[in-house]
Amino acid sequence: MNVTLKPFDFAQAVARAGLGVDGMPLKQDEATRLQREVMLDNPTVSLEQTMVAMQKAQIGFAATLQVRNRLVQAYSDIMGMQV
């Protein structure tokens, strides 16, 4: 059986996972910005808005971590197969 694999584009996979070029979820940047604005007492940024952004970032990170774990497990399973 002949199996051919398509070339893997890491940048495209990272973008699909919702990550930035540094590997952090895109929502993390927004949460960090809002946290900084709250600490500087910016009246246009509410604490509730900041907390929601932080929770979204945490959920995004947890989902990204689960995807990574599944990919590593799938790779390990494939590499362990007998040919």
Protein backbone atom coordinates (compact mmCIF):
# COMPACT_ATOMS: atom_id res chain seq x y z
CA MET A 1 0.00 0.00 0.00
CA ASN A 2 1.40 3.37 -1.03
CA VAL A 3 0.70 6.18 1.42
CA THR A 4 1.67 9.71 0.50
CA LEU A 5 1.45 12.59 2.91
CA LYS A 6 0.84 16.18 1.96
CA PRO A 7 3.53 18.64 3.04
CA PHE A 8 2.73 20.06 6.46
CA ASP A 9 2.47 23.83 6.70
CA PHE A 10 3.01 24.69 10.36
CA ALA A 11 2.00 28.34 9.97
CA GLN A 12 -1.33 27.33 8.45
CA ALA A 13 -1.98 24.81 11.22
CA VAL A 14 -1.17 27.41 13.87
CA ALA A 15 -3.57 29.89 12.26
CA ARG A 16 -6.33 27.27 12.14
CA ALA A 17 -5.80 26.53 15.82
CA GLY A 18 -6.37 30.20 16.62
CA LEU A 19 -2.82 30.88 17.74
CA GLY A 20 -0.53 33.79 17.05
CA VAL A 21 2.98 33.44 15.67
CA ASP A 22 4.32 33.21 19.23
CA GLY A 23 2.13 30.17 19.93
CA MET A 24 -0.19 31.95 22.33
CA PRO A 25 -3.94 32.03 21.73
CA LEU A 26 -5.02 35.22 19.98
CA LYS A 27 -7.46 36.03 22.77
CA GLN A 28 -4.58 36.13 25.25
CA ASP A 29 -3.26 39.36 23.75
CA GLU A 30 -6.64 41.05 24.19
CA ALA A 31 -6.98 39.82 27.78
CA THR A 32 -3.49 41.06 28.61
CA ARG A 33 -4.25 44.47 27.10
CA LEU A 34 -7.49 44.75 29.08
CA GLN A 35 -5.74 43.73 32.31
CA ARG A 36 -3.15 46.45 31.79
CA GLU A 37 -5.88 49.02 31.13
CA VAL A 38 -7.73 48.04 34.33
CA MET A 39 -4.52 48.34 36.34
CA LEU A 40 -3.97 51.82 34.89
CA ASP A 41 -7.52 52.79 35.97
CA ASN A 42 -8.79 53.38 32.44
CA PRO A 43 -12.47 54.35 32.88
CA THR A 44 -13.46 52.95 29.47
CA VAL A 45 -12.51 49.37 30.42
CA SER A 46 -14.70 47.50 32.89
CA LEU A 47 -13.59 44.78 35.24
CA GLU A 48 -16.37 42.52 33.95
CA GLN A 49 -15.17 42.92 30.36
CA THR A 50 -11.63 42.08 31.47
CA MET A 51 -12.72 39.00 33.41
CA VAL A 52 -14.74 37.70 30.43
CA ALA A 53 -11.73 38.21 28.14
CA MET A 54 -9.51 36.35 30.60
CA GLN A 55 -11.96 33.43 30.77
CA LYS A 56 -12.17 33.29 26.96
CA ALA A 57 -8.38 33.23 26.78
CA GLN A 58 -8.23 30.46 29.38
CA ILE A 59 -10.79 28.36 27.50
CA GLY A 60 -8.93 28.93 24.23
CA PHE A 61 -5.66 27.86 25.82
CA ALA A 62 -7.22 24.74 27.32
CA ALA A 63 -8.74 23.81 23.94
CA THR A 64 -5.40 24.37 22.21
CA LEU A 65 -3.68 22.21 24.79
CA GLN A 66 -6.19 19.40 24.23
CA VAL A 67 -5.67 19.57 20.46
CA ARG A 68 -1.91 19.41 20.95
CA ASN A 69 -2.24 16.43 23.29
CA ARG A 70 -4.44 14.59 20.79
CA LEU A 71 -2.00 15.30 17.95
CA VAL A 72 0.93 14.02 20.02
CA GLN A 73 -1.04 10.91 20.97
CA ALA A 74 -2.02 10.27 17.33
CA TYR A 75 1.60 10.70 16.23
CA SER A 76 2.76 8.30 18.95
CA ASP A 77 0.12 5.76 17.91
CA ILE A 78 1.12 5.98 14.25
CA MET A 79 4.82 5.70 15.02
CA GLY A 80 4.16 2.66 17.17
CA MET A 81 2.34 0.76 14.40
CA GLN A 82 3.94 -2.26 12.85
CA VAL A 83 4.54 -1.93 9.12
